[in-house]
Amino acid sequence: MRKNDGLASVVREVAAKAAGLTLGLLVCIAGAVGFALLPPLVLERIVNRLTAGQTVTLRLALLYFGVLAISGVFEATQNVLITVFGQKVTHGLRRQMCRKLSRLPAAYFTENEAGKITSRFVSDVDAVDSLFTNGIISMAADGCKVISIVAIIFVKSRGLGVLMLLVTPLLFLMTRHFQSRMLGAQVENRVAVGKVNNHVPETIRNIRMIHTLFRERYMEERYDAYISESYRATETSNRYDALYSPIIIFISSCIIAVMMICASIGGGMQQFFGLSVGTAVAIIAYVGKVFDPLESIGMEIQNIQSAVADIRRINAFRRQAERKPADTTLTCDKLLQRDGARIRFHHVFFGYDPAQPVLTDQSFDLGAGETATLVGRTGAGKSTAFRLLLGLYSPDAGQVSVCGAPADEIPDTEKRRLFGYVEQTFHLVSGTVGEQISLFDPAIGQAQIERAAALVGLHEAILALPMGYDTPAADSLFSQGQFQLLSIARAVAADPAILLLDEITANLDSGTERRVIEALERASANRTVLSISHRLYEQTSVGRLIHIHGETA
């Protein structure tokens, strides 16, 4: 985790950039606390005047309603500013996490399901939002109210003030008990939610296999188990929350009852608790005002505990090891001028798990403009070699170089001009047909999009669509072979120097395969081409075989 990463740094950044918001929030909190103390004092004067047989002036009545209104305005404005501040913090936190995500190695995405990663950015960060909107700031404001009211109660009635001081430690211990129980429940709930978020897309993605193997009941039972786990954790948290409020109300009633009984006993006790009628009314109002924020604090404790659980998960995400920093001086033009589009493996050792190596002492050299095919048994490491070339992983030993530079040091911003990668299956993105080729890259204009489509023989087919290149993309627009041609067009749109082909004809019939082979031959002209496909090698007259030997070979 970088030194300036973290929730505290985001809060400081928001407070500095939105100084007016921060100042306004502090003023509103102070105003809400201060004006919340005034209505009982005004009420005390009104009641004392009435019991003394004096009239209540219009000015005094208006003063009472005025301080109530001003207190409400400060309270409402405080809540609005707290919400805005919390949203700014969560926005900054998500932006920081996105920067972190772009620095993570590919291993993180293979070891963590998409649902769990998504829950970090959605559920966990939303809970952090509640840390500010209904958590720590609100609790600080409520805490100030409690302290101020207890101080006034102590001035008005020492006996009741002492009684409140005796009760406070008991309330603190009870609150700590509820905190620990709710924290455990919130952690369990977040884990269960992460499992549910991952289970649903996994089921949808593998629905055909599930139907074929008659595993619907099994997947349903797993889903029910995860939902039940989340339900039990939520139920535990809600149970403690439901108990907290009645306990607070009961204690409030007991304190008022003790105060009234002691004040009516007479003698020294009456003097200790002695109150005028107006003061008694004010004290009762204050006691209610003490326990109202305490009850709110109970709710805020739950939000804080939930946020603490999520902050732990977010911190664990931010502590993830980052990939090797790229060398920003390595531009595509400099790389090609240095050593051409040359690929070199020099005594490479690599394994996703150090205890289980995939590549062992692998070496080969592919010159600029040369074509070759990787061969080897299943699991020997052919696809792994591609991942190392693309810089997604760093070798455990040896060196993988592209254009004379370490592959894992090439900046991501330069890779599309350097590599064109054609996968076995075309992955549709949300957008138009033209955007399937450009992938929203502003550096690729309409002329380049059309040139790439024409190169693979799709230009006329796309123009025949209702809106041409602006037609919204859908699975029904093209055949499987046309989608594979579209994948080649996507790979060559940025005019890369190196073309990587990963079993791209494996699922095609012979007629469609011929069209794809012809398109590949046109796309491969003047490029360094490395492929994984025995059938492709058998049908082309150029290139050489490179044997990949792994630990299992």
Protein backbone atom coordinates (compact mmCIF):
# COMPACT_ATOMS: atom_id res chain seq x y z
CA MET A 1 0.00 0.00 0.00
CA ARG A 2 1.35 3.39 -0.96
CA LYS A 3 2.06 5.90 1.79
CA ASN A 4 -0.63 8.36 0.69
CA ASP A 5 -3.30 5.69 0.16
CA GLY A 6 -6.01 5.21 2.76
CA LEU A 7 -9.30 6.53 4.11
CA ALA A 8 -7.55 9.15 6.27
CA SER A 9 -5.75 10.58 3.23
CA VAL A 10 -9.06 10.77 1.32
CA VAL A 11 -10.72 12.61 4.23
CA ARG A 12 -7.83 15.08 4.42
CA GLU A 13 -7.99 15.65 0.67
CA VAL A 14 -11.76 16.29 0.74
CA ALA A 15 -11.44 18.60 3.78
CA ALA A 16 -8.70 20.60 2.01
CA LYS A 17 -10.41 20.86 -1.39
CA ALA A 18 -13.86 21.59 0.08
CA ALA A 19 -12.78 23.93 2.88
CA GLY A 20 -16.08 25.84 2.70
CA LEU A 21 -18.06 22.63 3.09
CA THR A 22 -15.92 21.53 6.04
CA LEU A 23 -16.24 24.91 7.77
CA GLY A 24 -19.98 25.00 7.15
CA LEU A 25 -20.34 21.52 8.59
CA LEU A 26 -18.47 22.48 11.77
CA VAL A 27 -20.59 25.64 12.15
CA CYS A 28 -23.81 23.67 11.69
CA ILE A 29 -22.76 21.03 14.24
CA ALA A 30 -21.92 23.75 16.77
CA GLY A 31 -25.18 25.57 16.02
CA ALA A 32 -27.27 22.39 16.26
CA VAL A 33 -25.68 21.50 19.62
CA GLY A 34 -25.96 25.04 21.03
CA PHE A 35 -29.53 25.78 19.97
CA ALA A 36 -30.71 22.31 21.10
CA LEU A 37 -29.91 23.44 24.68
CA LEU A 38 -31.99 26.64 24.57
CA PRO A 39 -35.66 25.48 24.28
CA PRO A 40 -35.79 23.81 27.78
CA LEU A 41 -34.22 26.94 29.33
CA VAL A 42 -36.88 29.15 27.72
CA LEU A 43 -39.55 26.66 28.77
CA GLU A 44 -38.27 26.84 32.35
CA ARG A 45 -38.82 30.61 32.40
CA ILE A 46 -42.29 30.24 30.94
CA VAL A 47 -43.39 27.64 33.51
CA ASN A 48 -41.89 29.56 36.43
CA ARG A 49 -43.79 32.71 35.34
CA LEU A 50 -47.03 30.76 35.09
CA THR A 51 -46.62 29.14 38.54
CA ALA A 52 -45.86 32.60 40.00
CA GLY A 53 -49.11 33.93 38.52
CA GLN A 54 -47.35 36.11 35.95
CA THR A 55 -48.35 36.41 32.31
CA VAL A 56 -46.23 35.00 29.49
CA THR A 57 -45.26 37.72 27.07
CA LEU A 58 -45.58 37.29 23.32
CA ARG A 59 -41.86 37.94 23.03
CA LEU A 60 -41.07 34.99 25.32
CA ALA A 61 -43.42 32.70 23.41
CA LEU A 62 -41.92 33.74 20.08
CA LEU A 63 -38.46 33.20 21.54
CA TYR A 64 -39.36 29.62 22.44
CA PHE A 65 -40.70 28.77 18.99
CA GLY A 66 -37.86 30.71 17.35
CA VAL A 67 -35.08 28.72 19.04
CA LEU A 68 -36.95 25.51 18.17
CA ALA A 69 -37.08 26.55 14.51
CA ILE A 70 -33.44 27.65 14.40
CA SER A 71 -32.37 24.40 16.09
CA GLY A 72 -34.30 22.45 13.43
CA VAL A 73 -32.69 24.43 10.61
CA PHE A 74 -29.20 23.80 11.97
CA GLU A 75 -30.02 20.10 12.43
CA ALA A 76 -31.36 19.71 8.88
CA THR A 77 -28.46 21.64 7.33
CA GLN A 78 -26.00 19.57 9.35
CA ASN A 79 -27.52 16.34 7.98
CA VAL A 80 -27.35 17.63 4.40
CA LEU A 81 -23.71 18.70 4.71
CA ILE A 82 -22.76 15.41 6.37
CA THR A 83 -24.33 13.54 3.43
CA VAL A 84 -22.47 15.69 0.88
CA PHE A 85 -19.19 15.26 2.76
CA GLY A 86 -19.68 11.49 2.95
CA GLN A 87 -20.39 11.27 -0.79
CA LYS A 88 -17.24 13.22 -1.60
CA VAL A 89 -15.21 10.88 0.62
CA THR A 90 -16.63 7.71 -0.96
CA HIS A 91 -16.07 9.16 -4.43
CA GLY A 92 -12.44 9.83 -3.53
CA LEU A 93 -12.08 6.37 -2.02
CA ARG A 94 -13.47 4.65 -5.12
CA ARG A 95 -11.15 6.73 -7.32
CA GLN A 96 -8.20 5.69 -5.16
CA MET A 97 -9.25 2.02 -5.30
CA CYS A 98 -9.58 2.20 -9.10
CA ARG A 99 -6.02 3.49 -9.34
CA LYS A 100 -4.96 0.59 -7.12
CA LEU A 101 -6.88 -1.87 -9.31
CA SER A 102 -4.96 -0.71 -12.39
CA ARG A 103 -1.68 -1.45 -10.60
CA LEU A 104 -2.53 -5.01 -9.53
CA PRO A 105 -0.98 -8.01 -11.25
CA ALA A 106 -3.07 -10.43 -13.30
CA ALA A 107 -2.71 -13.02 -10.54
CA TYR A 108 -5.07 -11.01 -8.33
CA PHE A 109 -7.90 -11.32 -10.88
CA THR A 110 -7.39 -15.06 -11.32
CA GLU A 111 -7.30 -15.69 -7.56
CA ASN A 112 -10.34 -13.50 -6.71
CA GLU A 113 -13.79 -13.92 -8.23
CA ALA A 114 -15.39 -10.98 -10.00
CA GLY A 115 -18.23 -10.89 -7.45
CA LYS A 116 -15.86 -10.43 -4.54
CA ILE A 117 -13.92 -7.67 -6.31
CA THR A 118 -17.19 -5.92 -7.19
CA SER A 119 -18.38 -6.09 -3.57
CA ARG A 120 -15.25 -4.14 -2.51
CA PHE A 121 -16.24 -1.24 -4.77
CA VAL A 122 -20.00 -1.38 -4.14
CA SER A 123 -21.07 -2.84 -0.79
CA ASP A 124 -17.91 -2.08 1.17
CA VAL A 125 -17.55 1.52 -0.02
CA ASP A 126 -21.29 2.15 0.47
CA ALA A 127 -20.85 1.11 4.10
CA VAL A 128 -17.97 3.61 4.39
CA ASP A 129 -20.44 6.25 3.16
CA SER A 130 -22.65 5.41 6.14
CA LEU A 131 -19.59 5.91 8.37
CA PHE A 132 -19.93 9.64 7.64
CA THR A 133 -23.63 10.11 6.84
CA ASN A 134 -24.97 8.09 9.79
CA GLY A 135 -21.84 7.25 11.73
CA ILE A 136 -18.81 8.96 13.16
CA ILE A 137 -19.68 12.62 12.42
CA SER A 138 -23.25 12.23 13.59
CA MET A 139 -22.07 10.37 16.68
CA ALA A 140 -19.57 13.16 17.44
CA ALA A 141 -22.38 15.71 17.21
CA ASP A 142 -24.64 13.58 19.40
CA GLY A 143 -21.78 13.09 21.86
CA CYS A 144 -21.36 16.88 22.15
CA LYS A 145 -25.08 17.17 22.83
CA VAL A 146 -24.91 14.56 25.61
CA ILE A 147 -21.93 16.23 27.30
CA SER A 148 -23.52 19.69 27.10
CA ILE A 149 -26.88 18.50 28.45
CA VAL A 150 -25.28 16.55 31.32
CA ALA A 151 -23.33 19.69 32.25
CA ILE A 152 -26.52 21.76 32.35
CA ILE A 153 -28.31 19.07 34.39
CA PHE A 154 -25.44 19.10 36.87
CA VAL A 155 -25.74 22.89 37.23
CA LYS A 156 -29.53 22.72 37.65
CA SER A 157 -29.51 19.73 40.04
CA ARG A 158 -26.35 18.33 41.56
CA GLY A 159 -28.15 15.21 42.66
CA LEU A 160 -29.42 14.40 39.21
CA GLY A 161 -26.01 15.31 37.77
CA VAL A 162 -24.34 12.81 40.12
CA LEU A 163 -26.96 10.23 39.17
CA MET A 164 -26.21 10.77 35.48
CA LEU A 165 -22.47 10.43 36.09
CA LEU A 166 -23.07 7.10 37.87
CA VAL A 167 -25.21 5.78 35.02
CA THR A 168 -22.81 6.83 32.23
CA PRO A 169 -20.13 4.13 32.87
CA LEU A 170 -22.82 1.44 32.89
CA LEU A 171 -24.12 2.74 29.56
CA PHE A 172 -20.57 2.74 28.18
CA LEU A 173 -20.02 -0.90 29.17
CA MET A 174 -23.35 -1.89 27.69
CA THR A 175 -22.51 -0.03 24.48
CA ARG A 176 -19.14 -1.81 24.20
CA HIS A 177 -20.92 -5.16 24.60
CA PHE A 178 -23.31 -4.31 21.78
CA GLN A 179 -20.42 -3.05 19.64
CA SER A 180 -18.48 -6.32 19.81
CA ARG A 181 -21.55 -8.44 19.05
CA MET A 182 -22.66 -6.30 16.11
CA LEU A 183 -19.14 -6.16 14.66
CA GLY A 184 -18.93 -9.94 14.50
CA ALA A 185 -22.34 -10.13 12.85
CA GLN A 186 -21.42 -7.47 10.28
CA VAL A 187 -18.22 -9.29 9.30
CA GLU A 188 -20.14 -12.55 8.80
CA ASN A 189 -22.76 -10.77 6.74
CA ARG A 190 -20.20 -9.15 4.42
CA VAL A 191 -18.51 -12.49 3.80
CA ALA A 192 -21.86 -14.06 2.96
CA VAL A 193 -22.80 -11.17 0.62
CA GLY A 194 -19.50 -11.63 -1.22
CA LYS A 195 -20.32 -15.33 -1.74
CA VAL A 196 -23.78 -14.48 -3.08
CA ASN A 197 -22.39 -11.81 -5.44
CA ASN A 198 -20.00 -14.38 -6.88
CA HIS A 199 -22.45 -17.30 -7.01
CA VAL A 200 -25.07 -15.61 -9.22
CA PRO A 201 -22.79 -14.64 -12.17
CA GLU A 202 -21.00 -17.98 -11.86
CA THR A 203 -24.33 -19.81 -12.22
CA ILE A 204 -25.38 -17.70 -15.22
CA ARG A 205 -22.00 -18.15 -16.91
CA ASN A 206 -22.12 -21.96 -16.56
CA ILE A 207 -25.88 -22.45 -16.98
CA ARG A 208 -25.54 -24.86 -19.91
CA MET A 209 -23.10 -27.10 -18.08
CA ILE A 210 -25.33 -27.02 -15.00
CA HIS A 211 -28.33 -28.17 -17.07
CA THR A 212 -26.27 -30.82 -18.85
CA LEU A 213 -24.97 -32.32 -15.58
CA PHE A 214 -28.32 -31.91 -13.76
CA ARG A 215 -26.71 -29.79 -11.05
CA GLU A 216 -29.54 -27.26 -10.68
CA ARG A 217 -30.49 -28.56 -7.24
CA TYR A 218 -26.88 -28.39 -6.05
CA MET A 219 -26.45 -24.79 -7.20
CA GLU A 220 -29.80 -23.87 -5.64
CA GLU A 221 -28.78 -25.39 -2.31
CA ARG A 222 -25.48 -23.47 -2.35
CA TYR A 223 -27.32 -20.24 -3.04
CA ASP A 224 -29.77 -20.95 -0.22
CA ALA A 225 -26.88 -21.67 2.14
CA TYR A 226 -25.20 -18.34 1.35
CA ILE A 227 -28.49 -16.42 1.70
CA SER A 228 -29.20 -18.18 5.01
CA GLU A 229 -25.73 -17.33 6.26
CA SER A 230 -26.30 -13.66 5.46
CA TYR A 231 -29.79 -13.77 7.00
CA ARG A 232 -28.52 -15.24 10.28
CA ALA A 233 -25.79 -12.61 10.56
CA THR A 234 -28.24 -9.79 9.78
CA GLU A 235 -30.74 -11.20 12.25
CA THR A 236 -28.11 -11.24 15.00
CA SER A 237 -27.18 -7.62 14.29
CA ASN A 238 -30.84 -6.55 14.22
CA ARG A 239 -31.55 -8.37 17.47
CA TYR A 240 -28.89 -6.40 19.35
CA ASP A 241 -30.05 -3.19 17.71
CA ALA A 242 -33.66 -3.89 18.69
CA LEU A 243 -32.66 -4.50 22.32
CA TYR A 244 -30.57 -1.35 22.62
CA SER A 245 -33.35 1.24 22.15
CA PRO A 246 -35.82 -0.24 24.74
CA ILE A 247 -33.03 -0.46 27.30
CA ILE A 248 -32.17 3.20 26.80
CA ILE A 249 -35.83 4.26 27.11
CA PHE A 250 -36.26 2.16 30.26
CA ILE A 251 -33.18 3.73 31.90
CA SER A 252 -34.42 7.20 30.95
CA SER A 253 -37.75 6.55 32.68
CA CYS A 254 -36.03 5.13 35.77
CA ILE A 255 -33.79 8.21 36.15
CA ILE A 256 -36.74 10.60 35.93
CA ALA A 257 -38.67 8.50 38.46
CA VAL A 258 -35.72 8.43 40.91
CA MET A 259 -35.30 12.20 40.54
CA MET A 260 -38.95 12.89 41.33
CA ILE A 261 -39.03 10.48 44.29
CA CYS A 262 -35.85 11.91 45.82
CA ALA A 263 -37.04 15.50 45.31
CA SER A 264 -40.28 14.73 47.20
CA ILE A 265 -38.71 12.98 50.19
CA GLY A 266 -37.83 16.21 52.00
CA GLY A 267 -34.89 17.23 54.20
CA GLY A 268 -31.35 17.07 52.85
CA MET A 269 -32.41 14.85 49.99
CA GLN A 270 -34.91 17.43 48.81
CA GLN A 271 -32.23 20.11 48.99
CA PHE A 272 -29.84 17.88 47.04
CA PHE A 273 -32.45 17.22 44.34
CA GLY A 274 -34.58 20.31 44.99
CA LEU A 275 -36.14 21.86 41.89
CA SER A 276 -38.66 24.52 41.06
CA VAL A 277 -41.60 23.52 38.89
CA GLY A 278 -40.07 25.18 35.86
CA THR A 279 -36.68 23.64 36.50
CA ALA A 280 -38.31 20.21 36.91
CA VAL A 281 -39.98 20.60 33.51
CA ALA A 282 -36.68 21.69 31.97
CA ILE A 283 -34.80 18.79 33.59
CA ILE A 284 -37.34 16.27 32.31
CA ALA A 285 -36.91 17.77 28.84
CA TYR A 286 -33.13 17.59 29.19
CA VAL A 287 -33.21 13.96 30.38
CA GLY A 288 -35.22 13.13 27.28
CA LYS A 289 -32.72 15.05 25.18
CA VAL A 290 -29.85 13.10 26.77
CA PHE A 291 -31.26 9.72 25.88
CA ASP A 292 -32.50 10.70 22.42
CA PRO A 293 -28.92 11.22 21.15
CA LEU A 294 -27.81 8.16 23.13
CA GLU A 295 -30.41 6.13 21.28
CA SER A 296 -29.14 7.62 18.01
CA ILE A 297 -25.60 6.74 19.06
CA GLY A 298 -26.75 3.13 19.35
CA MET A 299 -27.83 3.20 15.71
CA GLU A 300 -24.67 5.02 14.73
CA ILE A 301 -22.57 2.40 16.51
CA GLN A 302 -24.07 -0.22 14.22
CA ASN A 303 -23.18 1.82 11.15
CA ILE A 304 -19.66 2.42 12.43
CA GLN A 305 -19.15 -1.26 13.21
CA SER A 306 -20.39 -2.19 9.76
CA ALA A 307 -18.01 0.36 8.24
CA VAL A 308 -15.11 -0.92 10.36
CA ALA A 309 -15.65 -4.41 8.97
CA ASP A 310 -15.69 -3.03 5.42
CA ILE A 311 -12.69 -0.77 6.00
CA ARG A 312 -10.73 -3.85 7.07
CA ARG A 313 -11.64 -5.51 3.77
CA ILE A 314 -10.79 -2.34 1.82
CA ASN A 315 -7.45 -2.08 3.64
CA ALA A 316 -6.74 -5.72 2.79
CA PHE A 317 -7.42 -4.83 -0.86
CA ARG A 318 -5.10 -1.80 -0.71
CA ARG A 319 -2.34 -3.94 0.83
CA GLN A 320 -2.31 -6.26 -2.19
CA ALA A 321 1.11 -6.49 -3.81
CA GLU A 322 1.34 -4.39 -6.96
CA ARG A 323 2.92 -5.41 -10.21
CA LYS A 324 6.33 -4.17 -11.24
CA PRO A 325 6.22 -0.46 -12.16
CA ALA A 326 6.36 0.23 -15.89
CA ASP A 327 9.16 2.23 -17.49
CA THR A 328 7.32 5.30 -18.81
CA THR A 329 10.23 6.16 -21.10
CA LEU A 330 9.58 3.04 -23.17
CA THR A 331 7.33 4.29 -25.97
CA CYS A 332 6.31 2.07 -28.86
CA ASP A 333 8.40 4.06 -31.36
CA LYS A 334 11.52 3.86 -29.18
CA LEU A 335 11.04 0.13 -28.66
CA LEU A 336 10.69 -0.62 -32.36
CA GLN A 337 13.71 1.54 -33.18
CA ARG A 338 15.76 -0.25 -30.51
CA ASP A 339 15.37 -3.88 -31.61
CA GLY A 340 12.43 -4.15 -34.01
CA ALA A 341 9.47 -6.40 -33.19
CA ARG A 342 11.69 -9.12 -31.72
CA ILE A 343 10.54 -11.57 -29.04
CA ARG A 344 13.00 -13.37 -26.79
CA PHE A 345 12.71 -15.89 -23.95
CA HIS A 346 16.02 -16.38 -22.15
CA HIS A 347 16.15 -19.27 -19.63
CA VAL A 348 12.70 -18.46 -18.27
CA PHE A 349 11.32 -20.14 -15.16
CA PHE A 350 7.75 -19.38 -14.06
CA GLY A 351 4.93 -20.83 -11.98
CA TYR A 352 1.66 -19.40 -10.70
CA ASP A 353 2.44 -21.33 -7.54
CA PRO A 354 6.18 -21.38 -6.72
CA ALA A 355 5.82 -25.01 -5.66
CA GLN A 356 4.40 -25.96 -9.08
CA PRO A 357 6.47 -24.46 -11.94
CA VAL A 358 4.84 -24.19 -15.37
CA LEU A 359 7.85 -23.15 -17.50
CA THR A 360 11.31 -24.49 -16.74
CA ASP A 361 14.40 -23.10 -18.46
CA GLN A 362 12.43 -22.01 -21.56
CA SER A 363 14.39 -20.23 -24.31
CA PHE A 364 13.52 -19.16 -27.83
CA ASP A 365 14.11 -16.19 -30.12
CA LEU A 366 11.67 -14.83 -32.71
CA GLY A 367 13.04 -12.17 -35.03
CA ALA A 368 11.18 -9.13 -36.35
CA GLY A 369 8.72 -10.07 -39.11
CA GLU A 370 9.08 -13.79 -38.37
CA THR A 371 6.15 -16.20 -37.86
CA ALA A 372 6.15 -19.12 -35.42
CA THR A 373 3.75 -21.49 -33.66
CA LEU A 374 4.04 -22.65 -30.06
CA VAL A 375 3.52 -26.39 -29.63
CA GLY A 376 3.46 -28.61 -26.57
CA ARG A 377 1.21 -30.85 -24.56
CA THR A 378 -1.79 -29.45 -22.68
CA GLY A 379 -0.56 -27.65 -19.57
CA ALA A 380 2.96 -27.19 -20.91
CA GLY A 381 2.64 -23.40 -20.69
CA LYS A 382 1.75 -22.09 -24.17
CA SER A 383 -0.90 -19.64 -22.92
CA THR A 384 1.39 -18.79 -20.00
CA ALA A 385 4.06 -17.74 -22.50
CA PHE A 386 1.56 -15.28 -24.01
CA ARG A 387 0.77 -13.84 -20.57
CA LEU A 388 4.46 -13.33 -19.91
CA LEU A 389 4.87 -11.62 -23.30
CA LEU A 390 2.00 -9.26 -22.54
CA GLY A 391 3.61 -8.37 -19.20
CA LEU A 392 0.70 -9.70 -17.14
CA TYR A 393 3.17 -11.72 -15.07
CA SER A 394 6.88 -11.44 -14.35
CA PRO A 395 9.14 -14.49 -14.72
CA ASP A 396 10.48 -16.10 -11.54
CA ALA A 397 13.88 -16.33 -13.22
CA GLY A 398 15.32 -15.51 -16.62
CA GLN A 399 14.08 -12.77 -18.92
CA VAL A 400 11.19 -12.22 -21.31
CA SER A 401 11.95 -9.31 -23.64
CA VAL A 402 10.01 -7.57 -26.39
CA CYS A 403 11.85 -5.18 -28.71
CA GLY A 404 14.87 -5.50 -26.41
CA ALA A 405 13.00 -4.38 -23.25
CA PRO A 406 11.65 -6.49 -20.36
CA ALA A 407 8.01 -7.31 -21.20
CA ASP A 408 6.79 -6.49 -17.68
CA GLU A 409 8.25 -2.96 -17.84
CA ILE A 410 6.40 -1.86 -20.99
CA PRO A 411 3.65 0.68 -20.10
CA ASP A 412 0.05 -0.39 -20.66
CA THR A 413 -0.52 2.74 -22.75
CA GLU A 414 1.95 1.47 -25.36
CA LYS A 415 0.83 -2.15 -25.54
CA ARG A 416 -2.02 -1.79 -28.03
CA ARG A 417 0.31 -0.28 -30.63
CA LEU A 418 2.79 -3.04 -29.90
CA PHE A 419 0.53 -6.11 -29.54
CA GLY A 420 -2.53 -7.33 -31.38
CA TYR A 421 -4.13 -10.25 -29.53
CA VAL A 422 -6.74 -12.51 -31.16
CA GLU A 423 -8.49 -14.82 -28.71
CA GLN A 424 -10.32 -18.09 -29.35
CA THR A 425 -13.69 -16.50 -28.52
CA PHE A 426 -14.82 -12.98 -29.37
CA HIS A 427 -15.87 -10.94 -26.33
CA LEU A 428 -18.64 -8.47 -27.10
CA VAL A 429 -18.55 -5.09 -25.32
CA SER A 430 -21.45 -2.69 -24.86
CA GLY A 431 -21.40 -0.28 -27.79
CA THR A 432 -21.64 -0.01 -31.56
CA VAL A 433 -20.08 -2.30 -34.16
CA GLY A 434 -17.37 0.29 -34.77
CA GLU A 435 -16.61 0.44 -31.05
CA GLN A 436 -16.13 -3.35 -31.04
CA ILE A 437 -13.09 -2.65 -33.20
CA SER A 438 -11.80 0.54 -31.57
CA LEU A 439 -12.62 -0.49 -27.98
CA PHE A 440 -13.32 3.20 -27.29
CA ASP A 441 -9.68 4.09 -27.96
CA PRO A 442 -9.67 7.80 -28.96
CA ALA A 443 -6.43 7.27 -30.87
CA ILE A 444 -8.25 4.98 -33.34
CA GLY A 445 -10.32 7.04 -35.79
CA GLN A 446 -13.09 6.00 -38.16
CA ALA A 447 -10.65 5.58 -41.05
CA GLN A 448 -8.58 3.07 -39.08
CA ILE A 449 -11.74 1.20 -38.03
CA GLU A 450 -12.90 0.87 -41.64
CA ARG A 451 -9.40 -0.05 -42.82
CA ALA A 452 -9.20 -2.88 -40.27
CA ALA A 453 -12.68 -4.16 -41.23
CA ALA A 454 -11.78 -4.08 -44.93
CA LEU A 455 -8.55 -5.96 -44.24
CA VAL A 456 -10.47 -8.92 -42.81
CA GLY A 457 -13.30 -8.73 -45.37
CA LEU A 458 -16.07 -7.35 -43.13
CA HIS A 459 -16.41 -3.79 -44.45
CA GLU A 460 -19.26 -4.52 -46.90
CA ALA A 461 -21.13 -6.68 -44.36
CA ILE A 462 -20.98 -3.89 -41.79
CA LEU A 463 -22.14 -1.23 -44.29
CA ALA A 464 -25.17 -3.44 -45.03
CA LEU A 465 -26.29 -3.16 -41.40
CA PRO A 466 -29.16 -0.70 -40.61
CA MET A 467 -26.79 1.96 -39.21
CA GLY A 468 -23.51 0.70 -40.61
CA TYR A 469 -20.66 1.06 -38.15
CA ASP A 470 -23.01 2.88 -35.73
CA THR A 471 -25.31 -0.15 -35.40
CA PRO A 472 -25.57 -1.28 -31.74
CA ALA A 473 -23.65 -4.53 -31.41
CA ALA A 474 -25.57 -7.73 -30.61
CA ASP A 475 -24.95 -11.46 -30.78
CA SER A 476 -27.45 -11.81 -33.61
CA LEU A 477 -25.65 -9.47 -36.01
CA PHE A 478 -22.88 -11.83 -37.12
CA SER A 479 -22.08 -15.52 -37.45
CA GLN A 480 -19.38 -17.14 -35.34
CA GLY A 481 -16.90 -16.86 -38.20
CA GLN A 482 -17.71 -13.17 -38.73
CA PHE A 483 -17.19 -12.51 -35.04
CA GLN A 484 -13.76 -14.11 -35.33
CA LEU A 485 -13.00 -11.82 -38.26
CA LEU A 486 -14.19 -8.91 -36.11
CA SER A 487 -11.75 -10.07 -33.43
CA ILE A 488 -8.89 -9.91 -35.96
CA ALA A 489 -10.00 -6.43 -37.02
CA ARG A 490 -9.96 -5.36 -33.37
CA ALA A 491 -6.42 -6.73 -32.98
CA VAL A 492 -4.98 -4.91 -36.02
CA ALA A 493 -6.92 -1.61 -35.72
CA ALA A 494 -4.01 0.13 -33.95
CA ASP A 495 -1.53 -1.30 -36.52
CA PRO A 496 0.50 -3.32 -33.97
CA ALA A 497 3.95 -4.69 -34.75
CA ILE A 498 3.30 -8.07 -33.08
CA LEU A 499 0.30 -10.36 -33.58
CA LEU A 500 -0.56 -13.04 -31.00
CA LEU A 501 -3.06 -15.73 -32.06
CA ASP A 502 -4.57 -18.05 -29.45
CA GLU A 503 -6.30 -21.12 -31.00
CA ILE A 504 -8.52 -18.86 -33.06
CA THR A 505 -9.76 -21.58 -35.51
CA ALA A 506 -10.49 -24.25 -32.90
CA ASN A 507 -14.30 -23.86 -33.01
CA LEU A 508 -14.81 -23.13 -36.72
CA ASP A 509 -15.99 -25.34 -39.56
CA SER A 510 -13.66 -25.91 -42.52
CA GLY A 511 -15.32 -23.33 -44.81
CA THR A 512 -15.33 -20.56 -42.22
CA GLU A 513 -11.82 -21.52 -41.14
CA ARG A 514 -10.57 -20.91 -44.68
CA ARG A 515 -11.92 -17.35 -44.63
CA VAL A 516 -10.31 -16.70 -41.25
CA ILE A 517 -6.96 -18.11 -42.47
CA GLU A 518 -7.04 -15.83 -45.50
CA ALA A 519 -7.84 -12.81 -43.31
CA LEU A 520 -4.99 -13.76 -40.99
CA GLU A 521 -2.54 -13.98 -43.86
CA ARG A 522 -3.45 -10.42 -44.88
CA ALA A 523 -3.32 -9.19 -41.26
CA SER A 524 0.05 -10.86 -40.63
CA ALA A 525 1.88 -9.12 -43.45
CA ASN A 526 4.98 -7.26 -42.19
CA ARG A 527 4.30 -8.29 -38.57
CA THR A 528 5.92 -10.62 -36.10
CA VAL A 529 3.36 -13.40 -35.54
CA LEU A 530 3.26 -15.92 -32.70
CA SER A 531 0.39 -18.38 -32.55
CA ILE A 532 -0.98 -21.31 -30.59
CA SER A 533 -2.70 -23.58 -33.12
CA HIS A 534 -1.64 -26.83 -34.77
CA ARG A 535 -4.39 -26.52 -37.39
CA LEU A 536 -3.33 -22.99 -38.27
CA TYR A 537 0.27 -24.10 -38.69
CA GLU A 538 -0.79 -27.03 -40.88
CA GLN A 539 -2.69 -24.73 -43.27
CA THR A 540 -0.03 -22.03 -43.65
CA SER A 541 3.22 -22.47 -45.45
CA VAL A 542 5.30 -20.09 -43.35
CA GLY A 543 6.61 -20.15 -39.83
CA ARG A 544 8.42 -22.57 -37.57
CA LEU A 545 7.59 -24.64 -34.53
CA ILE A 546 8.69 -23.62 -31.03
CA HIS A 547 8.42 -26.39 -28.48
CA ILE A 548 7.20 -25.31 -25.06
CA HIS A 549 8.40 -27.63 -22.33
CA GLY A 550 7.03 -27.21 -18.85
CA GLU A 551 7.41 -29.15 -15.64
CA THR A 552 4.69 -31.58 -16.77
CA ALA A 553 6.01 -31.99 -20.30
